[in-house]
PDB file of all heavy atoms in Angstrom:
ATOM      1  N   GLU A   1     -34.720 -43.206  -3.355  1.00  0.00           N
ATOM      2  CA  GLU A   1     -34.842 -43.308  -4.820  1.00  0.00           C
ATOM      3  C   GLU A   1     -36.306 -43.150  -5.220  1.00  0.00           C
ATOM      4  O   GLU A   1     -37.167 -43.906  -4.756  1.00  0.00           O
ATOM      5  CB  GLU A   1     -34.317 -44.656  -5.283  1.00  0.00           C
ATOM      6  CG  GLU A   1     -34.358 -44.875  -6.764  1.00  0.00           C
ATOM      7  CD  GLU A   1     -33.519 -43.848  -7.517  1.00  0.00           C
ATOM      8  OE1 GLU A   1     -32.311 -43.774  -7.282  1.00  0.00           O
ATOM      9  OE2 GLU A   1     -34.107 -43.106  -8.335  1.00  0.00           O
ATOM     10  N   GLY A   2     -36.595 -42.165  -6.043  1.00  0.00           N
ATOM     11  CA  GLY A   2     -37.982 -41.912  -6.450  1.00  0.00           C
ATOM     12  C   GLY A   2     -38.582 -42.994  -7.306  1.00  0.00           C
ATOM     13  O   GLY A   2     -39.802 -43.136  -7.358  1.00  0.00           O
ATOM     14  N   ALA A   3     -37.766 -43.748  -7.996  1.00  0.00           N
ATOM     15  CA  ALA A   3     -38.222 -44.888  -8.793  1.00  0.00           C
ATOM     16  C   ALA A   3     -39.286 -44.517  -9.824  1.00  0.00           C
ATOM     17  O   ALA A   3     -40.115 -45.342 -10.187  1.00  0.00           O
ATOM     18  CB  ALA A   3     -38.742 -46.006  -7.877  1.00  0.00           C
ATOM     19  N   GLY A   4     -39.288 -43.278 -10.268  1.00  0.00           N
ATOM     20  CA  GLY A   4     -40.241 -42.859 -11.278  1.00  0.00           C
ATOM     21  C   GLY A   4     -41.630 -42.555 -10.779  1.00  0.00           C
ATOM     22  O   GLY A   4     -42.487 -42.131 -11.537  1.00  0.00           O
ATOM     23  N   VAL A   5     -41.876 -42.745  -9.471  1.00  0.00           N
ATOM     24  CA  VAL A   5     -43.217 -42.486  -8.933  1.00  0.00           C
ATOM     25  C   VAL A   5     -43.207 -41.465  -7.799  1.00  0.00           C
ATOM     26  O   VAL A   5     -44.251 -40.925  -7.448  1.00  0.00           O
ATOM     27  CB  VAL A   5     -43.881 -43.783  -8.428  1.00  0.00           C
ATOM     28  CG1 VAL A   5     -44.129 -44.745  -9.576  1.00  0.00           C
ATOM     29  CG2 VAL A   5     -43.067 -44.455  -7.343  1.00  0.00           C
ATOM     30  N   ALA A   6     -42.057 -41.207  -7.203  1.00  0.00           N
ATOM     31  CA  ALA A   6     -41.974 -40.278  -6.085  1.00  0.00           C
ATOM     32  C   ALA A   6     -41.038 -39.131  -6.428  1.00  0.00           C
ATOM     33  O   ALA A   6     -39.957 -39.331  -6.966  1.00  0.00           O
ATOM     34  CB  ALA A   6     -41.465 -41.004  -4.825  1.00  0.00           C
ATOM     35  N   ASN A   7     -41.470 -37.918  -6.111  1.00  0.00           N
ATOM     36  CA  ASN A   7     -40.658 -36.733  -6.347  1.00  0.00           C
ATOM     37  C   ASN A   7     -39.813 -36.481  -5.100  1.00  0.00           C
ATOM     38  O   ASN A   7     -40.299 -35.952  -4.107  1.00  0.00           O
ATOM     39  CB  ASN A   7     -41.562 -35.518  -6.635  1.00  0.00           C
ATOM     40  CG  ASN A   7     -40.764 -34.312  -7.060  1.00  0.00           C
ATOM     41  OD1 ASN A   7     -39.550 -34.313  -7.058  1.00  0.00           O
ATOM     42  ND2 ASN A   7     -41.475 -33.239  -7.404  1.00  0.00           N
ATOM     43  N   THR A   8     -38.559 -36.885  -5.140  1.00  0.00           N
ATOM     44  CA  THR A   8     -37.691 -36.771  -3.975  1.00  0.00           C
ATOM     45  C   THR A   8     -36.302 -36.315  -4.372  1.00  0.00           C
ATOM     46  O   THR A   8     -35.786 -36.705  -5.435  1.00  0.00           O
ATOM     47  CB  THR A   8     -37.587 -38.122  -3.226  1.00  0.00           C
ATOM     48  OG1 THR A   8     -36.585 -38.045  -2.207  1.00  0.00           O
ATOM     49  CG2 THR A   8     -37.236 -39.260  -4.158  1.00  0.00           C
ATOM     50  N   SER A   9     -35.689 -35.511  -3.540  1.00  0.00           N
ATOM     51  CA  SER A   9     -34.341 -34.997  -3.828  1.00  0.00           C
ATOM     52  C   SER A   9     -33.303 -36.112  -3.876  1.00  0.00           C
ATOM     53  O   SER A   9     -32.238 -35.944  -4.466  1.00  0.00           O
ATOM     54  CB  SER A   9     -33.928 -33.982  -2.757  1.00  0.00           C
ATOM     55  OG  SER A   9     -33.921 -34.587  -1.470  1.00  0.00           O
ATOM     56  N   GLY A  10     -33.622 -37.244  -3.262  1.00  0.00           N
ATOM     57  CA  GLY A  10     -32.629 -38.320  -3.196  1.00  0.00           C
ATOM     58  C   GLY A  10     -32.442 -39.092  -4.482  1.00  0.00           C
ATOM     59  O   GLY A  10     -31.474 -39.864  -4.612  1.00  0.00           O
ATOM     60  N   THR A  11     -33.346 -38.922  -5.434  1.00  0.00           N
ATOM     61  CA  THR A  11     -33.250 -39.686  -6.677  1.00  0.00           C
ATOM     62  C   THR A  11     -31.879 -39.521  -7.340  1.00  0.00           C
ATOM     63  O   THR A  11     -31.463 -38.414  -7.643  1.00  0.00           O
ATOM     64  CB  THR A  11     -34.341 -39.258  -7.667  1.00  0.00           C
ATOM     65  OG1 THR A  11     -35.622 -39.564  -7.107  1.00  0.00           O
ATOM     66  CG2 THR A  11     -34.192 -39.964  -8.992  1.00  0.00           C
ATOM     67  N   GLY A  12     -31.201 -40.641  -7.533  1.00  0.00           N
ATOM     68  CA  GLY A  12     -29.920 -40.628  -8.233  1.00  0.00           C
ATOM     69  C   GLY A  12     -28.712 -40.243  -7.410  1.00  0.00           C
ATOM     70  O   GLY A  12     -27.583 -40.354  -7.895  1.00  0.00           O
ATOM     71  N   THR A  13     -28.912 -39.779  -6.173  1.00  0.00           N
ATOM     72  CA  THR A  13     -27.740 -39.293  -5.425  1.00  0.00           C
ATOM     73  C   THR A  13     -26.748 -40.406  -5.106  1.00  0.00           C
ATOM     74  O   THR A  13     -25.541 -40.199  -5.146  1.00  0.00           O
ATOM     75  CB  THR A  13     -28.164 -38.584  -4.125  1.00  0.00           C
ATOM     76  OG1 THR A  13     -29.007 -39.440  -3.355  1.00  0.00           O
ATOM     77  CG2 THR A  13     -28.901 -37.296  -4.418  1.00  0.00           C
ATOM     78  N   TRP A  14     -27.270 -41.594  -4.780  1.00  0.00           N
ATOM     79  CA  TRP A  14     -26.337 -42.670  -4.433  1.00  0.00           C
ATOM     80  C   TRP A  14     -25.478 -43.029  -5.629  1.00  0.00           C
ATOM     81  O   TRP A  14     -24.274 -43.269  -5.488  1.00  0.00           O
ATOM     82  CB  TRP A  14     -27.109 -43.903  -3.904  1.00  0.00           C
ATOM     83  CG  TRP A  14     -27.870 -44.690  -4.927  1.00  0.00           C
ATOM     84  CD1 TRP A  14     -29.168 -44.523  -5.276  1.00  0.00           C
ATOM     85  CD2 TRP A  14     -27.366 -45.747  -5.751  1.00  0.00           C
ATOM     86  NE1 TRP A  14     -29.521 -45.419  -6.269  1.00  0.00           N
ATOM     87  CE2 TRP A  14     -28.429 -46.180  -6.578  1.00  0.00           C
ATOM     88  CE3 TRP A  14     -26.117 -46.380  -5.879  1.00  0.00           C
ATOM     89  CZ2 TRP A  14     -28.293 -47.216  -7.500  1.00  0.00           C
ATOM     90  CZ3 TRP A  14     -25.982 -47.403  -6.798  1.00  0.00           C
ATOM     91  CH2 TRP A  14     -27.053 -47.822  -7.590  1.00  0.00           C
ATOM     92  N   GLU A  15     -26.078 -43.062  -6.817  1.00  0.00           N
ATOM     93  CA  GLU A  15     -25.317 -43.387  -8.012  1.00  0.00           C
ATOM     94  C   GLU A  15     -24.317 -42.274  -8.330  1.00  0.00           C
ATOM     95  O   GLU A  15     -23.193 -42.548  -8.761  1.00  0.00           O
ATOM     96  CB  GLU A  15     -26.262 -43.580  -9.196  1.00  0.00           C
ATOM     97  CG  GLU A  15     -25.550 -43.951 -10.499  1.00  0.00           C
ATOM     98  CD  GLU A  15     -26.492 -44.071 -11.670  1.00  0.00           C
ATOM     99  OE1 GLU A  15     -27.695 -43.738 -11.522  1.00  0.00           O
ATOM    100  OE2 GLU A  15     -26.045 -44.496 -12.757  1.00  0.00           O
ATOM    101  N   ASP A  16     -24.722 -41.023  -8.132  1.00  0.00           N
ATOM    102  CA  ASP A  16     -23.815 -39.903  -8.345  1.00  0.00           C
ATOM    103  C   ASP A  16     -22.588 -40.006  -7.455  1.00  0.00           C
ATOM    104  O   ASP A  16     -21.457 -39.782  -7.892  1.00  0.00           O
ATOM    105  CB  ASP A  16     -24.525 -38.577  -8.078  1.00  0.00           C
ATOM    106  CG  ASP A  16     -25.582 -38.241  -9.119  1.00  0.00           C
ATOM    107  OD1 ASP A  16     -25.576 -38.867 -10.196  1.00  0.00           O
ATOM    108  OD2 ASP A  16     -26.414 -37.366  -8.841  1.00  0.00           O
ATOM    109  N   VAL A  17     -22.820 -40.338  -6.185  1.00  0.00           N
ATOM    110  CA  VAL A  17     -21.712 -40.463  -5.232  1.00  0.00           C
ATOM    111  C   VAL A  17     -20.841 -41.665  -5.571  1.00  0.00           C
ATOM    112  O   VAL A  17     -19.614 -41.580  -5.650  1.00  0.00           O
ATOM    113  CB  VAL A  17     -22.236 -40.568  -3.783  1.00  0.00           C
ATOM    114  CG1 VAL A  17     -21.103 -40.889  -2.825  1.00  0.00           C
ATOM    115  CG2 VAL A  17     -22.921 -39.261  -3.377  1.00  0.00           C
ATOM    116  N   ALA A  18     -21.493 -42.811  -5.776  1.00  0.00           N
ATOM    117  CA  ALA A  18     -20.740 -44.044  -6.035  1.00  0.00           C
ATOM    118  C   ALA A  18     -19.959 -43.979  -7.347  1.00  0.00           C
ATOM    119  O   ALA A  18     -18.849 -44.504  -7.463  1.00  0.00           O
ATOM    120  CB  ALA A  18     -21.682 -45.244  -6.054  1.00  0.00           C
ATOM    121  N   GLY A  19     -20.531 -43.328  -8.355  1.00  0.00           N
ATOM    122  CA  GLY A  19     -19.888 -43.271  -9.665  1.00  0.00           C
ATOM    123  C   GLY A  19     -19.074 -42.020  -9.907  1.00  0.00           C
ATOM    124  O   GLY A  19     -18.568 -41.816 -11.021  1.00  0.00           O
ATOM    125  N   ARG A  20     -18.903 -41.216  -8.883  1.00  0.00           N
ATOM    126  CA  ARG A  20     -18.257 -39.909  -9.040  1.00  0.00           C
ATOM    127  C   ARG A  20     -16.870 -39.979  -9.643  1.00  0.00           C
ATOM    128  O   ARG A  20     -16.448 -39.111 -10.403  1.00  0.00           O
ATOM    129  CB  ARG A  20     -18.197 -39.223  -7.677  1.00  0.00           C
ATOM    130  CG  ARG A  20     -17.690 -37.792  -7.678  1.00  0.00           C
ATOM    131  CD  ARG A  20     -18.707 -36.875  -8.312  1.00  0.00           C
ATOM    132  NE  ARG A  20     -18.358 -35.483  -8.080  1.00  0.00           N
ATOM    133  CZ  ARG A  20     -18.901 -34.465  -8.714  1.00  0.00           C
ATOM    134  NH1 ARG A  20     -19.818 -34.678  -9.634  1.00  0.00           N
ATOM    135  NH2 ARG A  20     -18.540 -33.237  -8.454  1.00  0.00           N
ATOM    136  N   LEU A  21     -16.139 -41.031  -9.317  1.00  0.00           N
ATOM    137  CA  LEU A  21     -14.757 -41.157  -9.793  1.00  0.00           C
ATOM    138  C   LEU A  21     -14.645 -41.956 -11.081  1.00  0.00           C
ATOM    139  O   LEU A  21     -13.544 -42.256 -11.540  1.00  0.00           O
ATOM    140  CB  LEU A  21     -13.883 -41.794  -8.710  1.00  0.00           C
ATOM    141  CG  LEU A  21     -13.892 -41.090  -7.345  1.00  0.00           C
ATOM    142  CD1 LEU A  21     -12.887 -41.737  -6.394  1.00  0.00           C
ATOM    143  CD2 LEU A  21     -13.601 -39.594  -7.486  1.00  0.00           C
ATOM    144  N   GLY A  22     -15.772 -42.324 -11.655  1.00  0.00           N
ATOM    145  CA  GLY A  22     -15.757 -43.067 -12.913  1.00  0.00           C
ATOM    146  C   GLY A  22     -15.387 -44.525 -12.755  1.00  0.00           C
ATOM    147  O   GLY A  22     -14.920 -45.155 -13.716  1.00  0.00           O
ATOM    148  N   SER A  23     -15.613 -45.065 -11.558  1.00  0.00           N
ATOM    149  CA  SER A  23     -15.254 -46.464 -11.294  1.00  0.00           C
ATOM    150  C   SER A  23     -16.508 -47.348 -11.280  1.00  0.00           C
ATOM    151  O   SER A  23     -17.341 -47.239 -10.370  1.00  0.00           O
ATOM    152  CB  SER A  23     -14.539 -46.579  -9.946  1.00  0.00           C
ATOM    153  OG  SER A  23     -14.389 -47.928  -9.567  1.00  0.00           O
ATOM    154  N   LEU A  24     -16.642 -48.207 -12.275  1.00  0.00           N
ATOM    155  CA  LEU A  24     -17.766 -49.119 -12.321  1.00  0.00           C
ATOM    156  C   LEU A  24     -17.741 -50.082 -11.137  1.00  0.00           C
ATOM    157  O   LEU A  24     -18.791 -50.440 -10.595  1.00  0.00           O
ATOM    158  CB  LEU A  24     -17.750 -49.904 -13.631  1.00  0.00           C
ATOM    159  CG  LEU A  24     -18.878 -50.918 -13.849  1.00  0.00           C
ATOM    160  CD1 LEU A  24     -20.230 -50.215 -13.825  1.00  0.00           C
ATOM    161  CD2 LEU A  24     -18.680 -51.670 -15.156  1.00  0.00           C
ATOM    162  N   SER A  25     -16.569 -50.495 -10.726  1.00  0.00           N
ATOM    163  CA  SER A  25     -16.466 -51.433  -9.609  1.00  0.00           C
ATOM    164  C   SER A  25     -17.003 -50.811  -8.321  1.00  0.00           C
ATOM    165  O   SER A  25     -17.580 -51.513  -7.475  1.00  0.00           O
ATOM    166  CB  SER A  25     -15.023 -51.896  -9.419  1.00  0.00           C
ATOM    167  OG  SER A  25     -14.174 -50.809  -9.106  1.00  0.00           O
ATOM    168  N   ASP A  26     -16.827 -49.504  -8.140  1.00  0.00           N
ATOM    169  CA  ASP A  26     -17.392 -48.835  -6.965  1.00  0.00           C
ATOM    170  C   ASP A  26     -18.919 -48.908  -6.985  1.00  0.00           C
ATOM    171  O   ASP A  26     -19.541 -49.184  -5.957  1.00  0.00           O
ATOM    172  CB  ASP A  26     -16.964 -47.365  -6.933  1.00  0.00           C
ATOM    173  CG  ASP A  26     -15.529 -47.166  -6.476  1.00  0.00           C
ATOM    174  OD1 ASP A  26     -14.887 -48.162  -6.095  1.00  0.00           O
ATOM    175  OD2 ASP A  26     -15.065 -46.012  -6.534  1.00  0.00           O
ATOM    176  N   VAL A  27     -19.511 -48.655  -8.135  1.00  0.00           N
ATOM    177  CA  VAL A  27     -20.964 -48.693  -8.245  1.00  0.00           C
ATOM    178  C   VAL A  27     -21.472 -50.099  -7.997  1.00  0.00           C
ATOM    179  O   VAL A  27     -22.451 -50.308  -7.271  1.00  0.00           O
ATOM    180  CB  VAL A  27     -21.417 -48.216  -9.648  1.00  0.00           C
ATOM    181  CG1 VAL A  27     -22.939 -48.327  -9.789  1.00  0.00           C
ATOM    182  CG2 VAL A  27     -20.977 -46.782  -9.885  1.00  0.00           C
ATOM    183  N   ARG A  28     -20.797 -51.087  -8.552  1.00  0.00           N
ATOM    184  CA  ARG A  28     -21.222 -52.478  -8.355  1.00  0.00           C
ATOM    185  C   ARG A  28     -21.143 -52.894  -6.883  1.00  0.00           C
ATOM    186  O   ARG A  28     -22.071 -53.497  -6.337  1.00  0.00           O
ATOM    187  CB  ARG A  28     -20.351 -53.410  -9.195  1.00  0.00           C
ATOM    188  CG  ARG A  28     -20.683 -53.395 -10.682  1.00  0.00           C
ATOM    189  CD  ARG A  28     -19.769 -54.340 -11.440  1.00  0.00           C
ATOM    190  NE  ARG A  28     -20.208 -54.529 -12.821  1.00  0.00           N
ATOM    191  CZ  ARG A  28     -19.554 -55.263 -13.707  1.00  0.00           C
ATOM    192  NH1 ARG A  28     -18.425 -55.885 -13.361  1.00  0.00           N
ATOM    193  NH2 ARG A  28     -20.035 -55.402 -14.948  1.00  0.00           N
ATOM    194  N   ALA A  29     -20.021 -52.560  -6.237  1.00  0.00           N
ATOM    195  CA  ALA A  29     -19.833 -52.948  -4.835  1.00  0.00           C
ATOM    196  C   ALA A  29     -20.839 -52.241  -3.944  1.00  0.00           C
ATOM    197  O   ALA A  29     -21.389 -52.845  -3.004  1.00  0.00           O
ATOM    198  CB  ALA A  29     -18.402 -52.620  -4.397  1.00  0.00           C
ATOM    199  N   PHE A  30     -21.082 -50.978  -4.226  1.00  0.00           N
ATOM    200  CA  PHE A  30     -22.031 -50.214  -3.425  1.00  0.00           C
ATOM    201  C   PHE A  30     -23.448 -50.779  -3.602  1.00  0.00           C
ATOM    202  O   PHE A  30     -24.168 -51.014  -2.639  1.00  0.00           O
ATOM    203  CB  PHE A  30     -21.997 -48.739  -3.846  1.00  0.00           C
ATOM    204  CG  PHE A  30     -22.833 -47.841  -2.997  1.00  0.00           C
ATOM    205  CD1 PHE A  30     -22.286 -47.169  -1.914  1.00  0.00           C
ATOM    206  CD2 PHE A  30     -24.189 -47.643  -3.268  1.00  0.00           C
ATOM    207  CE1 PHE A  30     -23.064 -46.337  -1.109  1.00  0.00           C
ATOM    208  CE2 PHE A  30     -24.975 -46.818  -2.489  1.00  0.00           C
ATOM    209  CZ  PHE A  30     -24.405 -46.165  -1.411  1.00  0.00           C
ATOM    210  N   ARG A  31     -23.815 -50.999  -4.856  1.00  0.00           N
ATOM    211  CA  ARG A  31     -25.182 -51.476  -5.125  1.00  0.00           C
ATOM    212  C   ARG A  31     -25.439 -52.841  -4.481  1.00  0.00           C
ATOM    213  O   ARG A  31     -26.554 -53.117  -4.011  1.00  0.00           O
ATOM    214  CB  ARG A  31     -25.424 -51.567  -6.638  1.00  0.00           C
ATOM    215  CG  ARG A  31     -26.902 -51.644  -7.001  1.00  0.00           C
ATOM    216  CD  ARG A  31     -27.120 -51.768  -8.499  1.00  0.00           C
ATOM    217  NE  ARG A  31     -28.470 -51.367  -8.861  1.00  0.00           N
ATOM    218  CZ  ARG A  31     -29.573 -52.069  -8.582  1.00  0.00           C
ATOM    219  NH1 ARG A  31     -29.471 -53.221  -7.939  1.00  0.00           N
ATOM    220  NH2 ARG A  31     -30.766 -51.621  -8.950  1.00  0.00           N
ATOM    221  N   LYS A  32     -24.429 -53.661  -4.435  1.00  0.00           N
ATOM    222  CA  LYS A  32     -24.567 -54.987  -3.838  1.00  0.00           C
ATOM    223  C   LYS A  32     -24.964 -54.889  -2.360  1.00  0.00           C
ATOM    224  O   LYS A  32     -25.608 -55.782  -1.818  1.00  0.00           O
ATOM    225  CB  LYS A  32     -23.242 -55.740  -3.979  1.00  0.00           C
ATOM    226  CG  LYS A  32     -23.272 -57.173  -3.450  1.00  0.00           C
ATOM    227  CD  LYS A  32     -21.909 -57.825  -3.655  1.00  0.00           C
ATOM    228  CE  LYS A  32     -21.887 -59.241  -3.074  1.00  0.00           C
ATOM    229  NZ  LYS A  32     -20.546 -59.880  -3.247  1.00  0.00           N
ATOM    230  N   ASN A  33     -24.591 -53.780  -1.708  1.00  0.00           N
ATOM    231  CA  ASN A  33     -24.844 -53.614  -0.275  1.00  0.00           C
ATOM    232  C   ASN A  33     -26.147 -52.882   0.025  1.00  0.00           C
ATOM    233  O   ASN A  33     -26.491 -52.698   1.195  1.00  0.00           O
ATOM    234  CB  ASN A  33     -23.680 -52.861   0.388  1.00  0.00           C
ATOM    235  CG  ASN A  33     -22.451 -53.737   0.537  1.00  0.00           C
ATOM    236  OD1 ASN A  33     -22.532 -54.972   0.479  1.00  0.00           O
ATOM    237  ND2 ASN A  33     -21.306 -53.125   0.724  1.00  0.00           N
ATOM    238  N   ILE A  34     -26.871 -52.433  -0.999  1.00  0.00           N
ATOM    239  CA  ILE A  34     -28.122 -51.712  -0.756  1.00  0.00           C
ATOM    240  C   ILE A  34     -29.217 -52.697  -0.314  1.00  0.00           C
ATOM    241  O   ILE A  34     -29.467 -53.705  -0.979  1.00  0.00           O
ATOM    242  CB  ILE A  34     -28.581 -50.961  -2.021  1.00  0.00           C
ATOM    243  CG1 ILE A  34     -27.568 -49.866  -2.386  1.00  0.00           C
ATOM    244  CG2 ILE A  34     -29.953 -50.333  -1.799  1.00  0.00           C
ATOM    245  CD1 ILE A  34     -27.861 -49.170  -3.706  1.00  0.00           C
ATOM    246  N   VAL A  35     -29.849 -52.393   0.808  1.00  0.00           N
ATOM    247  CA  VAL A  35     -30.910 -53.255   1.336  1.00  0.00           C
ATOM    248  C   VAL A  35     -32.301 -52.635   1.163  1.00  0.00           C
ATOM    249  O   VAL A  35     -33.307 -53.315   1.364  1.00  0.00           O
ATOM    250  CB  VAL A  35     -30.685 -53.589   2.827  1.00  0.00           C
ATOM    251  CG1 VAL A  35     -29.413 -54.409   2.994  1.00  0.00           C
ATOM    252  CG2 VAL A  35     -30.619 -52.317   3.680  1.00  0.00           C
ATOM    253  N   ALA A  36     -32.362 -51.342   0.795  1.00  0.00           N
ATOM    254  CA  ALA A  36     -33.661 -50.702   0.572  1.00  0.00           C
ATOM    255  C   ALA A  36     -33.507 -49.511  -0.346  1.00  0.00           C
ATOM    256  O   ALA A  36     -32.608 -48.689  -0.175  1.00  0.00           O
ATOM    257  CB  ALA A  36     -34.273 -50.255   1.911  1.00  0.00           C
ATOM    258  N   PHE A  37     -34.386 -49.452  -1.354  1.00  0.00           N
ATOM    259  CA  PHE A  37     -34.531 -48.281  -2.208  1.00  0.00           C
ATOM    260  C   PHE A  37     -35.851 -47.624  -1.785  1.00  0.00           C
ATOM    261  O   PHE A  37     -36.924 -48.113  -2.158  1.00  0.00           O
ATOM    262  CB  PHE A  37     -34.615 -48.686  -3.690  1.00  0.00           C
ATOM    263  CG  PHE A  37     -33.363 -49.314  -4.229  1.00  0.00           C
ATOM    264  CD1 PHE A  37     -33.121 -50.682  -4.055  1.00  0.00           C
ATOM    265  CD2 PHE A  37     -32.420 -48.562  -4.906  1.00  0.00           C
ATOM    266  CE1 PHE A  37     -31.970 -51.274  -4.574  1.00  0.00           C
ATOM    267  CE2 PHE A  37     -31.266 -49.132  -5.429  1.00  0.00           C
ATOM    268  CZ  PHE A  37     -31.040 -50.492  -5.261  1.00  0.00           C
ATOM    269  N   SER A  38     -35.779 -46.583  -1.009  1.00  0.00           N
ATOM    270  CA  SER A  38     -36.987 -46.021  -0.407  1.00  0.00           C
ATOM    271  C   SER A  38     -37.442 -44.759  -1.131  1.00  0.00           C
ATOM    272  O   SER A  38     -36.623 -43.891  -1.454  1.00  0.00           O
ATOM    273  CB  SER A  38     -36.723 -45.692   1.064  1.00  0.00           C
ATOM    274  OG  SER A  38     -36.353 -46.857   1.775  1.00  0.00           O
TER     275      SER A  38
END
């Protein structure tokens, strides 16, 4: 995740994947398991 300071292709990809089906619960469950935003 670029976090507004790093130019990286990974920015937003996890959210795109987790939210792809329009399920908020998927995004919440996935985010709960994230241990590093690099």
